[in-house]
Every structure is written in C-alpha cells, then in structure tokens.
Amino acid sequence: MFITRKELKQHFEFPKKLQKPVEFYPAKSLKLPKPLHKLRGAHYCTNLLEIGENYRIVFIWKEGNIREKCSIYAHLFLYRSENLIYPLARIDYHPSHKGLHILLNCEDKRDLSNRSLPGVKEFNLKLNDLIDPRLKQDRQRFIRIVCEKLGIKYDDDK
C-alpha cells in the first residue's frame, strides 16, 4: 500500500478519539498483532486501542533502572483485519540519544503490512520538558503529546 503525503495528512485529519483511561500491562500478558507480537521482558503495553473507524494505536514503554535506559513509543495503524494492520506513524522518545521523534510511512514503495517502520522518513519533534517513562504522569503526558501530533482527540479535550 503506497501512501502519498496528501493521503497521510488525510489520515491524520480523520476524526479519531482516544478514551481514558489508558492502561499499561506487561507485554507478555497481551496478545498483540505483528509487528508487536514478540515484545517481552521489560516492556509494558496498552492493548491495540480503537480510536476511530479503522484506526488503532498502541503505546509501549520499556522499563530501565535509570531514565536513560527507558524508552516510550506509540504506533498508529490502519486496521484492515485481525491479521492485517498497516503502520502509518510511530512516535518514539529515547532519553539517552534521540529525544522525541516521529517516523512516517509516506511515499515508501515497500509493503510494510504487519511490520514496523524500518528505513522510513524520520523527523525530530520539539519537546519542552524531559520525559521519564518510569513515571505514570510522564507516560500520560507522552500520550497527550502523541494525540496532539497525530490528530487524536483525547477523552477530556475540550
């Protein structure tokens, strides 16, 4: 599936809403689809959350003994069926090296169905304050940032 910039923008503008509360569970306790099906160990995830029509999102954070060894990220998918999801975007935060950045599936001729986003366009995003993925309030702040960047209305938004 080839997505143009214009189509990706339309995906972001399509009305989507994330309901509260967003709960994280040990990754090994969830049955997530590819490409997330092998997450184990220190990973905590949400379920694949329905945010509107054919859109799904999942939030993941990786635990570490210090902030620099943690990370948190979100995957936005176009849901085709239980066995077929198509990645649109991923927002990552790595305290140790990259900060906040977004990966976009745009104008890439490869079939990325049920895959992550290897080798796609990546852009840095501005972040005013550091995030500590170990802290619940910072995970919630990350969720709010992701919703803002991807055009998702969060439950208590006006």
C-alpha atoms as a PDB file:
ATOM      1  CA  MET A   1       0.000   0.000   0.000  1.00  0.00           C
ATOM      2  CA  PHE A   2       1.577   3.251  -1.157  1.00  0.00           C
ATOM      3  CA  ILE A   3       0.643   6.360   0.836  1.00  0.00           C
ATOM      4  CA  THR A   4       1.259   9.839  -0.528  1.00  0.00           C
ATOM      5  CA  ARG A   5       1.869  12.870   1.696  1.00  0.00           C
ATOM      6  CA  LYS A   6      -1.627  14.093   0.930  1.00  0.00           C
ATOM      7  CA  GLU A   7      -3.168  10.748   1.953  1.00  0.00           C
ATOM      8  CA  LEU A   8      -1.108  10.619   5.160  1.00  0.00           C
ATOM      9  CA  LYS A   9      -2.316  14.113   6.027  1.00  0.00           C
ATOM     10  CA  GLN A  10      -5.905  12.938   5.461  1.00  0.00           C
ATOM     11  CA  HIS A  11      -5.301  10.021   7.849  1.00  0.00           C
ATOM     12  CA  PHE A  12      -4.081  12.455  10.494  1.00  0.00           C
ATOM     13  CA  GLU A  13      -7.068  14.756   9.925  1.00  0.00           C
ATOM     14  CA  PHE A  14      -9.649  11.956  10.063  1.00  0.00           C
ATOM     15  CA  PRO A  15     -11.637  12.255  13.341  1.00  0.00           C
ATOM     16  CA  LYS A  16     -10.119   9.960  15.958  1.00  0.00           C
ATOM     17  CA  LYS A  17     -10.665   9.793  19.704  1.00  0.00           C
ATOM     18  CA  LEU A  18      -8.786   8.035  22.498  1.00  0.00           C
ATOM     19  CA  GLN A  19     -10.851   7.145  25.555  1.00  0.00           C
ATOM     20  CA  LYS A  20      -9.480   7.310  29.075  1.00  0.00           C
ATOM     21  CA  PRO A  21      -8.082   5.561  30.999  1.00  0.00           C
ATOM     22  CA  VAL A  22      -5.095   4.273  29.049  1.00  0.00           C
ATOM     23  CA  GLU A  23      -3.756   1.283  30.958  1.00  0.00           C
ATOM     24  CA  PHE A  24      -0.365  -0.398  30.530  1.00  0.00           C
ATOM     25  CA  TYR A  25       0.132  -4.130  31.091  1.00  0.00           C
ATOM     26  CA  PRO A  26       3.198  -6.389  30.988  1.00  0.00           C
ATOM     27  CA  ALA A  27       3.762  -7.136  27.292  1.00  0.00           C
ATOM     28  CA  LYS A  28       3.941 -10.874  27.880  1.00  0.00           C
ATOM     29  CA  SER A  29       0.321 -10.827  29.130  1.00  0.00           C
ATOM     30  CA  LEU A  30      -1.084  -9.353  25.900  1.00  0.00           C
ATOM     31  CA  LYS A  31      -1.727 -10.906  22.526  1.00  0.00           C
ATOM     32  CA  LEU A  32      -0.623  -8.174  20.146  1.00  0.00           C
ATOM     33  CA  PRO A  33      -0.502  -8.489  16.350  1.00  0.00           C
ATOM     34  CA  LYS A  34       2.649  -8.367  14.246  1.00  0.00           C
ATOM     35  CA  PRO A  35       4.981  -6.438  14.453  1.00  0.00           C
ATOM     36  CA  LEU A  36       4.424  -6.178  18.222  1.00  0.00           C
ATOM     37  CA  HIS A  37       3.789  -9.845  18.970  1.00  0.00           C
ATOM     38  CA  LYS A  38       7.284 -10.602  20.297  1.00  0.00           C
ATOM     39  CA  LEU A  39       7.535  -7.877  22.956  1.00  0.00           C
ATOM     40  CA  ARG A  40       8.566  -9.404  26.280  1.00  0.00           C
ATOM     41  CA  GLY A  41      10.737  -8.677  29.280  1.00  0.00           C
ATOM     42  CA  ALA A  42      10.767  -5.083  30.473  1.00  0.00           C
ATOM     43  CA  HIS A  43       8.094  -3.880  28.017  1.00  0.00           C
ATOM     44  CA  TYR A  44       4.686  -2.605  29.111  1.00  0.00           C
ATOM     45  CA  CYS A  45       1.929  -2.015  26.561  1.00  0.00           C
ATOM     46  CA  THR A  46      -1.614  -0.967  26.103  1.00  0.00           C
ATOM     47  CA  ASN A  47      -3.967  -3.144  24.157  1.00  0.00           C
ATOM     48  CA  LEU A  48      -4.434  -2.286  20.498  1.00  0.00           C
ATOM     49  CA  LEU A  49      -6.810   0.616  21.119  1.00  0.00           C
ATOM     50  CA  GLU A  50      -9.586   1.519  18.692  1.00  0.00           C
ATOM     51  CA  ILE A  51      -9.553   5.281  18.119  1.00  0.00           C
ATOM     52  CA  GLY A  52     -11.962   5.590  15.227  1.00  0.00           C
ATOM     53  CA  GLU A  53     -13.256   3.553  12.327  1.00  0.00           C
ATOM     54  CA  ASN A  54     -10.204   1.670  11.017  1.00  0.00           C
ATOM     55  CA  TYR A  55      -7.566   3.324  13.203  1.00  0.00           C
ATOM     56  CA  ARG A  56      -5.756   1.671  16.089  1.00  0.00           C
ATOM     57  CA  ILE A  57      -2.991   2.850  18.383  1.00  0.00           C
ATOM     58  CA  VAL A  58      -0.765   1.113  20.881  1.00  0.00           C
ATOM     59  CA  PHE A  59       1.522   2.693  23.486  1.00  0.00           C
ATOM     60  CA  ILE A  60       4.622   0.901  24.736  1.00  0.00           C
ATOM     61  CA  TRP A  61       7.216   1.778  27.323  1.00  0.00           C
ATOM     62  CA  LYS A  62      10.421  -0.044  28.115  1.00  0.00           C
ATOM     63  CA  GLU A  63      11.492  -0.099  31.716  1.00  0.00           C
ATOM     64  CA  GLY A  64      15.072   0.595  32.772  1.00  0.00           C
ATOM     65  CA  ASN A  65      16.852   1.107  36.056  1.00  0.00           C
ATOM     66  CA  ILE A  66      17.718   4.696  35.068  1.00  0.00           C
ATOM     67  CA  ARG A  67      15.796   7.156  32.865  1.00  0.00           C
ATOM     68  CA  GLU A  68      18.376   6.967  30.067  1.00  0.00           C
ATOM     69  CA  LYS A  69      17.757   3.226  29.660  1.00  0.00           C
ATOM     70  CA  CYS A  70      13.992   3.651  29.283  1.00  0.00           C
ATOM     71  CA  SER A  71      12.001   4.497  26.190  1.00  0.00           C
ATOM     72  CA  ILE A  72       8.390   5.099  25.272  1.00  0.00           C
ATOM     73  CA  TYR A  73       6.680   4.975  21.923  1.00  0.00           C
ATOM     74  CA  ALA A  74       3.358   4.834  20.127  1.00  0.00           C
ATOM     75  CA  HIS A  75       2.339   3.105  16.911  1.00  0.00           C
ATOM     76  CA  LEU A  76      -0.552   4.360  14.785  1.00  0.00           C
ATOM     77  CA  PHE A  77      -2.047   1.719  12.488  1.00  0.00           C
ATOM     78  CA  LEU A  78      -4.642   1.485   9.798  1.00  0.00           C
ATOM     79  CA  TYR A  79      -6.575  -1.634  10.783  1.00  0.00           C
ATOM     80  CA  ARG A  80      -7.567  -3.876   7.889  1.00  0.00           C
ATOM     81  CA  SER A  81      -8.381  -7.098   9.747  1.00  0.00           C
ATOM     82  CA  GLU A  82      -7.258  -9.096  12.764  1.00  0.00           C
ATOM     83  CA  ASN A  83      -4.328 -10.380  10.724  1.00  0.00           C
ATOM     84  CA  LEU A  84      -3.519  -7.245   8.738  1.00  0.00           C
ATOM     85  CA  ILE A  85      -2.536  -3.876  10.159  1.00  0.00           C
ATOM     86  CA  TYR A  86      -0.770  -1.170   8.233  1.00  0.00           C
ATOM     87  CA  PRO A  87       1.600   1.217  10.046  1.00  0.00           C
ATOM     88  CA  LEU A  88       1.059   4.930   9.435  1.00  0.00           C
ATOM     89  CA  ALA A  89       3.318   6.535  12.047  1.00  0.00           C
ATOM     90  CA  ARG A  90       5.391   5.868  15.128  1.00  0.00           C
ATOM     91  CA  ILE A  91       6.424   8.420  17.744  1.00  0.00           C
ATOM     92  CA  ASP A  92       9.428   7.495  19.896  1.00  0.00           C
ATOM     93  CA  TYR A  93      11.122   9.039  22.875  1.00  0.00           C
ATOM     94  CA  HIS A  94      14.605   7.839  23.790  1.00  0.00           C
ATOM     95  CA  PRO A  95      16.033   9.857  26.707  1.00  0.00           C
ATOM     96  CA  SER A  96      19.571   8.631  26.074  1.00  0.00           C
ATOM     97  CA  HIS A  97      20.096   9.707  22.488  1.00  0.00           C
ATOM     98  CA  LYS A  98      17.327  10.831  20.116  1.00  0.00           C
ATOM     99  CA  GLY A  99      14.750  12.596  22.193  1.00  0.00           C
ATOM    100  CA  LEU A 100      11.273  12.842  20.675  1.00  0.00           C
ATOM    101  CA  HIS A 101      10.931  11.915  17.002  1.00  0.00           C
ATOM    102  CA  ILE A 102       8.332  10.652  14.548  1.00  0.00           C
ATOM    103  CA  LEU A 103       8.641   8.049  11.807  1.00  0.00           C
ATOM    104  CA  LEU A 104       6.176   8.360   8.923  1.00  0.00           C
ATOM    105  CA  ASN A 105       5.079   5.803   6.375  1.00  0.00           C
ATOM    106  CA  CYS A 106       4.933   8.118   3.433  1.00  0.00           C
ATOM    107  CA  GLU A 107       5.913   7.623  -0.211  1.00  0.00           C
ATOM    108  CA  ASP A 108       7.609   4.308   0.549  1.00  0.00           C
ATOM    109  CA  LYS A 109       7.075   1.683  -2.129  1.00  0.00           C
ATOM    110  CA  ARG A 110       7.678  -1.277   0.211  1.00  0.00           C
ATOM    111  CA  ASP A 111       4.787  -3.276   1.628  1.00  0.00           C
ATOM    112  CA  LEU A 112       5.008  -2.588   5.363  1.00  0.00           C
ATOM    113  CA  SER A 113       1.869  -4.509   6.315  1.00  0.00           C
ATOM    114  CA  ASN A 114       2.281  -6.108   9.763  1.00  0.00           C
ATOM    115  CA  ARG A 115       5.750  -4.546  10.043  1.00  0.00           C
ATOM    116  CA  SER A 116       7.347  -1.747  11.949  1.00  0.00           C
ATOM    117  CA  LEU A 117       8.696   1.237  10.035  1.00  0.00           C
ATOM    118  CA  PRO A 118      12.292   0.370   9.101  1.00  0.00           C
ATOM    119  CA  GLY A 119      14.069   2.946   6.981  1.00  0.00           C
ATOM    120  CA  VAL A 120      11.154   5.379   6.656  1.00  0.00           C
ATOM    121  CA  LYS A 121      11.269   9.160   6.916  1.00  0.00           C
ATOM    122  CA  GLU A 122      12.149  10.346  10.419  1.00  0.00           C
ATOM    123  CA  PHE A 123      11.694  13.820  11.870  1.00  0.00           C
ATOM    124  CA  ASN A 124      12.703  15.315  15.197  1.00  0.00           C
ATOM    125  CA  LEU A 125       9.943  16.865  17.284  1.00  0.00           C
ATOM    126  CA  LYS A 126      10.384  19.664  19.769  1.00  0.00           C
ATOM    127  CA  LEU A 127       9.932  18.726  23.414  1.00  0.00           C
ATOM    128  CA  ASN A 128       9.909  21.419  26.080  1.00  0.00           C
ATOM    129  CA  ASP A 129      10.477  19.195  29.117  1.00  0.00           C
ATOM    130  CA  LEU A 130      12.167  15.835  29.534  1.00  0.00           C
ATOM    131  CA  ILE A 131      10.004  12.728  29.908  1.00  0.00           C
ATOM    132  CA  ASP A 132      10.741   9.945  32.367  1.00  0.00           C
ATOM    133  CA  PRO A 133       8.885   6.869  31.041  1.00  0.00           C
ATOM    134  CA  ARG A 134       9.065   5.295  34.512  1.00  0.00           C
ATOM    135  CA  LEU A 135       6.660   7.929  35.877  1.00  0.00           C
ATOM    136  CA  LYS A 136       2.932   7.476  35.310  1.00  0.00           C
ATOM    137  CA  GLN A 137       2.327  11.226  34.903  1.00  0.00           C
ATOM    138  CA  ASP A 138       5.073  11.420  32.249  1.00  0.00           C
ATOM    139  CA  ARG A 139       3.595   8.452  30.375  1.00  0.00           C
ATOM    140  CA  GLN A 140       0.247  10.277  30.406  1.00  0.00           C
ATOM    141  CA  ARG A 141       1.960  13.443  29.160  1.00  0.00           C
ATOM    142  CA  PHE A 142       3.553  11.423  26.335  1.00  0.00           C
ATOM    143  CA  ILE A 143       0.103  10.065  25.403  1.00  0.00           C
ATOM    144  CA  ARG A 144      -1.248  13.619  25.248  1.00  0.00           C
ATOM    145  CA  ILE A 145       1.697  14.725  23.040  1.00  0.00           C
ATOM    146  CA  VAL A 146       1.122  11.790  20.686  1.00  0.00           C
ATOM    147  CA  CYS A 147      -2.573  12.588  20.428  1.00  0.00           C
ATOM    148  CA  GLU A 148      -1.797  16.208  19.607  1.00  0.00           C
ATOM    149  CA  LYS A 149       0.753  15.291  16.910  1.00  0.00           C
ATOM    150  CA  LEU A 150      -1.417  12.603  15.278  1.00  0.00           C
ATOM    151  CA  GLY A 151      -4.736  14.446  15.332  1.00  0.00           C
ATOM    152  CA  ILE A 152      -6.361  12.303  18.017  1.00  0.00           C
ATOM    153  CA  LYS A 153      -8.845  13.838  20.420  1.00  0.00           C
ATOM    154  CA  TYR A 154      -8.085  12.713  23.943  1.00  0.00           C
ATOM    155  CA  ASP A 155     -11.057  11.933  26.200  1.00  0.00           C
ATOM    156  CA  ASP A 156     -11.012  15.130  28.262  1.00  0.00           C
ATOM    157  CA  ASP A 157     -10.024  17.541  25.464  1.00  0.00           C
ATOM    158  CA  LYS A 158     -12.428  20.428  25.022  1.00  0.00           C
END
